[in-house]
Amino acid sequence: MAKLKEVKLKIGAVKKTKQITKAMNMVAASRLRGAQSKMEAFRPYSTKFAEVLGSLAQRAGENANPLIVPRDNVKNIHLVLCTSDRGLCGGFNANLVSKAESFFNEKNKEGISVSFTNFGKKGRDWCFNKKLQIANSHVGVVGAKFGFNVAMSSGKQLIESFISGGYDEVYVLYSEFVSMARQVPILKKIIPIPPIEVDKSKLEDKTYMPEHICEPSAGELLSELLPRSIYVQLHRALLETSTSEHAARMAAMDNATKACNDMINSLTLAYNKARQSAITAELMDIVGGAEALVRG
């Protein structure tokens, strides 16, 4: 009977865990809808912004603005690492941290110093454990509601450090939302702003490439648009990471709920077998006692 009671307690504990995972799945699904709508609304703007900026940069030349001029000798690199504040989202944070660690080790072998700006507790904790240089950290942004001002304030600090010579290059590492089942870690250089790649197939087909009419000059516009381009890329990285986090947590909690169902089925089967065995033993005792009385 002790074994029956133990199995019954396990079944009750797994059922409570299932309730928790199911509730977390529903919360993640609710937050995912809002985050995904914001991300999908912002993607066309960021894509078109990069297209216009590339057209202006090609006409203005590399010497138009220091934000598009690469440094000859790169000694200090800064990485903006976007992770989540909470766990229970499968391998979401592990994939981002693994890519950041590979990037750090690669640059460290080349004798390049790497510092970090962290969005999210998981990335910050990893930097603390590895005793890496943390310039700034932001908690409570990814996975929550945030505005464009977050990317703007962080971008201004990065631009000031780059212009003053503190950083030679700035990268951002985030998780790009591809689908509900796939979120891909993306490492992108944002300062100095890399040239916009032109699709060669369009050039071969002699497709019309629009030339944007600028008033004032392209150089003057670049001085205003280049910093904003960095803010746009940071904001998109945060939106993509936030959406990916909710999708990863939703999938993880769905898998956990299915695992709970499997455990409940197996434990119920074990409980029924143990109960049947106990009943059979009791019946054997009764039959044996009755036979002893008859013989007596």
Protein backbone atom coordinates (compact mmCIF):
# COMPACT_ATOMS: atom_id res chain seq x y z
CA MET A 1 0.00 0.00 0.00
CA ALA A 2 2.93 2.30 0.61
CA LYS A 3 3.93 1.86 -3.02
CA LEU A 4 0.42 2.68 -4.20
CA LYS A 5 0.38 5.86 -2.13
CA GLU A 6 3.79 6.88 -3.46
CA VAL A 7 2.70 6.45 -7.09
CA LYS A 8 -0.52 8.35 -6.43
CA LEU A 9 1.45 11.27 -4.95
CA LYS A 10 3.70 11.32 -8.03
CA ILE A 11 0.65 11.44 -10.31
CA GLY A 12 -0.74 14.40 -8.34
CA ALA A 13 2.61 16.23 -8.52
CA VAL A 14 2.88 15.73 -12.30
CA LYS A 15 -0.70 16.95 -12.80
CA LYS A 16 0.13 20.16 -10.91
CA THR A 17 3.25 20.62 -13.04
CA LYS A 18 1.12 20.14 -16.14
CA GLN A 19 -1.23 22.91 -14.99
CA ILE A 20 1.74 25.25 -14.57
CA THR A 21 3.30 24.46 -17.96
CA LYS A 22 -0.07 24.80 -19.70
CA ALA A 23 -0.67 28.19 -18.06
CA MET A 24 2.83 29.38 -19.05
CA ASN A 25 2.18 28.22 -22.61
CA MET A 26 -1.00 30.30 -22.76
CA VAL A 27 0.77 33.37 -21.32
CA ALA A 28 3.61 33.02 -23.85
CA ALA A 29 1.10 32.66 -26.70
CA SER A 30 -0.71 35.81 -25.59
CA ARG A 31 2.51 37.83 -25.39
CA LEU A 32 3.75 36.38 -28.66
CA ARG A 33 0.82 37.82 -30.61
CA GLY A 34 1.58 41.37 -29.48
CA ALA A 35 5.35 41.08 -29.95
CA GLN A 36 5.02 39.46 -33.38
CA SER A 37 2.65 42.13 -34.68
CA LYS A 38 5.09 44.89 -33.64
CA MET A 39 8.04 43.06 -35.18
CA GLU A 40 6.25 42.42 -38.50
CA ALA A 41 5.12 46.06 -38.66
CA PHE A 42 8.69 47.30 -38.08
CA ARG A 43 10.47 45.00 -40.57
CA PRO A 44 9.38 46.83 -43.78
CA TYR A 45 10.41 50.17 -42.28
CA SER A 46 13.89 48.96 -41.32
CA THR A 47 14.38 47.29 -44.72
CA LYS A 48 13.35 50.39 -46.68
CA PHE A 49 15.40 52.61 -44.36
CA ALA A 50 18.52 50.53 -45.11
CA GLU A 51 17.78 50.72 -48.85
CA VAL A 52 17.50 54.54 -48.87
CA LEU A 53 20.55 54.87 -46.65
CA GLY A 54 22.60 52.65 -48.95
CA SER A 55 21.65 54.77 -51.94
CA LEU A 56 22.71 57.96 -50.15
CA ALA A 57 25.95 56.46 -48.84
CA GLN A 58 27.03 55.33 -52.32
CA ARG A 59 26.66 58.87 -53.68
CA ALA A 60 28.14 60.64 -50.67
CA GLY A 61 31.35 58.57 -50.54
CA GLU A 62 33.13 56.96 -47.57
CA ASN A 63 34.56 60.23 -46.27
CA ALA A 64 31.15 61.80 -45.81
CA ASN A 65 30.65 60.59 -42.25
CA PRO A 66 32.92 58.83 -39.69
CA LEU A 67 30.19 56.25 -38.99
CA ILE A 68 30.74 54.61 -42.38
CA VAL A 69 34.57 54.74 -42.42
CA PRO A 70 36.18 51.47 -41.19
CA ARG A 71 39.19 51.62 -38.87
CA ASP A 72 42.52 50.42 -40.23
CA ASN A 73 43.66 48.88 -36.94
CA VAL A 74 40.91 47.17 -34.92
CA LYS A 75 41.87 46.66 -31.27
CA ASN A 76 38.61 47.12 -29.33
CA ILE A 77 35.31 45.51 -30.30
CA HIS A 78 32.00 46.00 -28.52
CA LEU A 79 29.22 43.40 -28.64
CA VAL A 80 25.56 44.13 -27.83
CA LEU A 81 24.24 40.78 -26.59
CA CYS A 82 20.45 40.36 -26.55
CA THR A 83 19.11 37.53 -24.38
CA SER A 84 16.08 37.01 -22.15
CA ASP A 85 15.62 37.76 -18.46
CA ARG A 86 14.02 34.40 -17.66
CA GLY A 87 14.62 30.79 -18.54
CA LEU A 88 12.21 27.95 -19.37
CA CYS A 89 12.52 28.67 -23.10
CA GLY A 90 14.48 25.67 -24.32
CA GLY A 91 17.83 26.34 -25.95
CA PHE A 92 17.02 29.97 -26.78
CA ASN A 93 19.58 31.58 -24.44
CA ALA A 94 22.09 28.73 -24.79
CA ASN A 95 22.31 29.27 -28.56
CA LEU A 96 22.88 33.02 -28.18
CA VAL A 97 25.49 32.58 -25.44
CA SER A 98 27.25 29.87 -27.44
CA LYS A 99 27.55 32.15 -30.48
CA ALA A 100 28.76 35.03 -28.29
CA GLU A 101 31.38 32.78 -26.68
CA SER A 102 32.61 31.60 -30.09
CA PHE A 103 32.89 35.22 -31.28
CA PHE A 104 34.75 36.24 -28.11
CA ASN A 105 37.21 33.34 -28.34
CA GLU A 106 37.86 34.06 -32.02
CA LYS A 107 38.63 37.74 -31.42
CA ASN A 108 40.59 36.97 -28.27
CA LYS A 109 42.95 34.72 -30.26
CA GLU A 110 43.55 37.65 -32.62
CA GLY A 111 44.52 39.85 -29.66
CA ILE A 112 41.38 41.99 -29.88
CA SER A 113 39.65 43.18 -26.71
CA VAL A 114 35.89 42.55 -26.54
CA SER A 115 33.47 44.37 -24.20
CA PHE A 116 29.73 43.83 -23.80
CA THR A 117 26.42 45.62 -23.49
CA ASN A 118 23.81 43.18 -22.22
CA PHE A 119 20.07 43.22 -22.77
CA GLY A 120 18.72 40.49 -20.49
CA LYS A 121 19.81 38.75 -17.28
CA LYS A 122 20.99 35.54 -18.94
CA GLY A 123 23.63 37.28 -21.04
CA ARG A 124 24.67 39.47 -18.11
CA ASP A 125 25.05 36.45 -15.81
CA TRP A 126 27.16 34.68 -18.42
CA CYS A 127 29.47 37.70 -18.65
CA PHE A 128 29.71 37.84 -14.86
CA ASN A 129 30.59 34.15 -14.62
CA LYS A 130 33.23 34.46 -17.33
CA LYS A 131 34.52 37.72 -15.78
CA LEU A 132 34.16 39.60 -19.05
CA GLN A 133 34.13 43.38 -19.42
CA ILE A 134 30.57 44.75 -19.17
CA ALA A 135 30.10 48.37 -20.26
CA ASN A 136 26.35 48.48 -19.69
CA SER A 137 23.44 46.16 -18.92
CA HIS A 138 19.67 46.48 -19.31
CA VAL A 139 17.21 44.26 -17.45
CA GLY A 140 13.45 44.08 -17.96
CA VAL A 141 13.50 45.12 -21.62
CA VAL A 142 13.45 41.92 -23.72
CA GLY A 143 10.18 40.07 -23.31
CA ALA A 144 8.39 43.16 -21.98
CA LYS A 145 6.90 46.30 -23.51
CA PHE A 146 9.53 48.82 -24.57
CA GLY A 147 9.74 51.85 -26.83
CA PHE A 148 12.13 53.20 -29.44
CA ASN A 149 13.77 55.35 -26.74
CA VAL A 150 15.55 52.27 -25.33
CA ALA A 151 17.41 51.67 -28.60
CA MET A 152 18.03 55.40 -29.03
CA SER A 153 19.64 55.90 -25.62
CA SER A 154 21.82 52.81 -26.01
CA GLY A 155 22.73 53.75 -29.60
CA LYS A 156 23.84 57.24 -28.59
CA GLN A 157 26.27 55.78 -26.06
CA LEU A 158 27.68 53.40 -28.68
CA ILE A 159 28.13 56.19 -31.24
CA GLU A 160 29.86 58.46 -28.72
CA SER A 161 32.25 55.67 -27.72
CA PHE A 162 33.02 54.85 -31.36
CA ILE A 163 33.69 58.46 -32.35
CA SER A 164 35.86 59.06 -29.27
CA GLY A 165 37.95 55.97 -30.13
CA GLY A 166 36.75 53.71 -27.32
CA TYR A 167 35.40 51.15 -29.79
CA ASP A 168 36.74 50.34 -33.24
CA GLU A 169 33.77 48.14 -34.19
CA VAL A 170 30.34 47.47 -32.71
CA TYR A 171 28.33 44.30 -33.28
CA VAL A 172 24.87 43.19 -32.19
CA LEU A 173 23.94 39.57 -31.49
CA TYR A 174 20.24 38.76 -31.42
CA SER A 175 17.77 35.99 -32.25
CA GLU A 176 15.92 36.43 -35.54
CA PHE A 177 12.37 35.10 -35.62
CA VAL A 178 11.98 32.80 -38.65
CA SER A 179 9.00 30.72 -37.59
CA MET A 180 7.35 29.32 -34.47
CA ALA A 181 9.75 26.39 -34.51
CA ARG A 182 12.91 28.22 -35.63
CA GLN A 183 14.79 31.17 -34.15
CA VAL A 184 18.27 31.84 -35.54
CA PRO A 185 21.09 33.70 -33.71
CA ILE A 186 22.31 36.58 -35.93
CA LEU A 187 25.60 38.44 -35.52
CA LYS A 188 25.66 41.78 -37.35
CA LYS A 189 28.08 44.68 -37.50
CA ILE A 190 26.32 48.00 -36.93
CA ILE A 191 29.27 50.43 -36.48
CA PRO A 192 30.94 51.34 -38.79
CA ILE A 193 27.88 50.89 -40.96
CA PRO A 194 28.77 48.31 -43.63
CA PRO A 195 27.99 49.07 -47.29
CA ILE A 196 24.62 47.93 -48.58
CA GLU A 197 24.96 44.85 -50.76
CA VAL A 198 23.41 45.21 -54.21
CA ASP A 199 21.64 42.21 -55.72
CA LYS A 200 23.73 41.24 -58.78
CA SER A 201 20.78 39.59 -60.48
CA LYS A 202 19.00 42.94 -60.59
CA LEU A 203 22.03 44.54 -62.23
CA GLU A 204 22.23 41.77 -64.82
CA ASP A 205 18.54 42.15 -65.62
CA LYS A 206 19.08 45.93 -65.90
CA THR A 207 16.23 46.51 -63.48
CA TYR A 208 15.55 50.16 -62.77
CA MET A 209 17.31 51.24 -59.57
CA PRO A 210 15.68 54.34 -58.07
CA GLU A 211 17.84 57.36 -57.37
CA HIS A 212 16.57 59.33 -54.39
CA ILE A 213 16.45 63.10 -54.84
CA CYS A 214 18.03 64.75 -51.78
CA GLU A 215 17.35 68.18 -50.39
CA PRO A 216 19.66 69.21 -48.71
CA SER A 217 22.71 67.27 -49.97
CA ALA A 218 23.29 63.56 -49.45
CA GLY A 219 26.15 64.26 -47.03
CA GLU A 220 24.01 66.46 -44.80
CA LEU A 221 21.22 63.90 -44.79
CA LEU A 222 23.64 61.13 -43.87
CA SER A 223 24.74 63.00 -40.74
CA GLU A 224 21.13 62.79 -39.56
CA LEU A 225 20.17 59.38 -40.93
CA LEU A 226 23.26 57.31 -40.03
CA PRO A 227 22.76 57.57 -36.24
CA ARG A 228 19.08 56.81 -36.70
CA SER A 229 20.01 53.75 -38.76
CA ILE A 230 21.88 52.38 -35.74
CA TYR A 231 18.87 53.04 -33.51
CA VAL A 232 16.62 51.27 -36.03
CA GLN A 233 18.87 48.20 -36.14
CA LEU A 234 19.05 47.99 -32.34
CA HIS A 235 15.29 48.36 -32.02
CA ARG A 236 14.70 45.65 -34.61
CA ALA A 237 17.16 43.36 -32.80
CA LEU A 238 15.23 43.82 -29.54
CA LEU A 239 11.87 43.21 -31.27
CA GLU A 240 13.17 40.08 -32.98
CA THR A 241 14.68 38.73 -29.75
CA SER A 242 11.52 39.44 -27.76
CA THR A 243 9.35 37.64 -30.32
CA SER A 244 11.78 34.72 -30.51
CA GLU A 245 11.81 34.39 -26.72
CA HIS A 246 8.03 34.08 -26.50
CA ALA A 247 7.96 31.59 -29.38
CA ALA A 248 10.72 29.49 -27.80
CA ARG A 249 9.01 29.51 -24.40
CA MET A 250 5.68 28.59 -25.97
CA ALA A 251 7.27 25.62 -27.74
CA ALA A 252 9.18 24.56 -24.61
CA MET A 253 6.08 24.67 -22.44
CA ASP A 254 4.10 22.76 -25.06
CA ASN A 255 6.75 20.03 -25.06
CA ALA A 256 6.75 20.02 -21.25
CA THR A 257 2.97 19.61 -21.19
CA LYS A 258 3.20 16.66 -23.60
CA ALA A 259 5.92 15.13 -21.43
CA CYS A 260 3.67 15.49 -18.37
CA ASN A 261 0.87 13.68 -20.22
CA ASP A 262 3.25 10.83 -21.05
CA MET A 263 4.40 10.62 -17.42
CA ILE A 264 0.82 10.64 -16.15
CA ASN A 265 -0.09 7.78 -18.50
CA SER A 266 2.92 5.69 -17.48
CA LEU A 267 2.38 6.38 -13.76
CA THR A 268 -1.33 5.58 -14.06
CA LEU A 269 -0.44 2.29 -15.72
CA ALA A 270 2.06 1.52 -12.94
CA TYR A 271 -0.55 2.47 -10.33
CA ASN A 272 -3.16 0.18 -11.88
CA LYS A 273 -0.69 -2.70 -12.07
CA ALA A 274 0.33 -2.22 -8.44
CA ARG A 275 -3.30 -1.96 -7.37
CA GLN A 276 -4.22 -5.10 -9.29
CA SER A 277 -1.27 -6.92 -7.73
CA ALA A 278 -2.35 -5.81 -4.25
CA ILE A 279 -5.95 -6.93 -4.87
CA THR A 280 -4.77 -10.29 -6.17
CA ALA A 281 -2.60 -10.78 -3.09
CA GLU A 282 -5.53 -9.96 -0.81
CA LEU A 283 -7.80 -12.39 -2.70
CA MET A 284 -5.18 -15.11 -2.37
CA ASP A 285 -5.03 -14.49 1.35
CA ILE A 286 -8.84 -14.71 1.62
CA VAL A 287 -8.98 -17.90 -0.45
CA GLY A 288 -6.17 -19.42 1.57
CA GLY A 289 -7.92 -18.54 4.84
CA ALA A 290 -11.20 -19.98 3.60
CA GLU A 291 -9.52 -23.23 2.59
CA ALA A 292 -7.88 -23.46 5.99
CA LEU A 293 -11.26 -23.06 7.71
CA VAL A 294 -12.83 -25.74 5.50
CA ARG A 295 -10.03 -28.18 6.26
CA GLY A 296 -10.24 -27.38 9.93
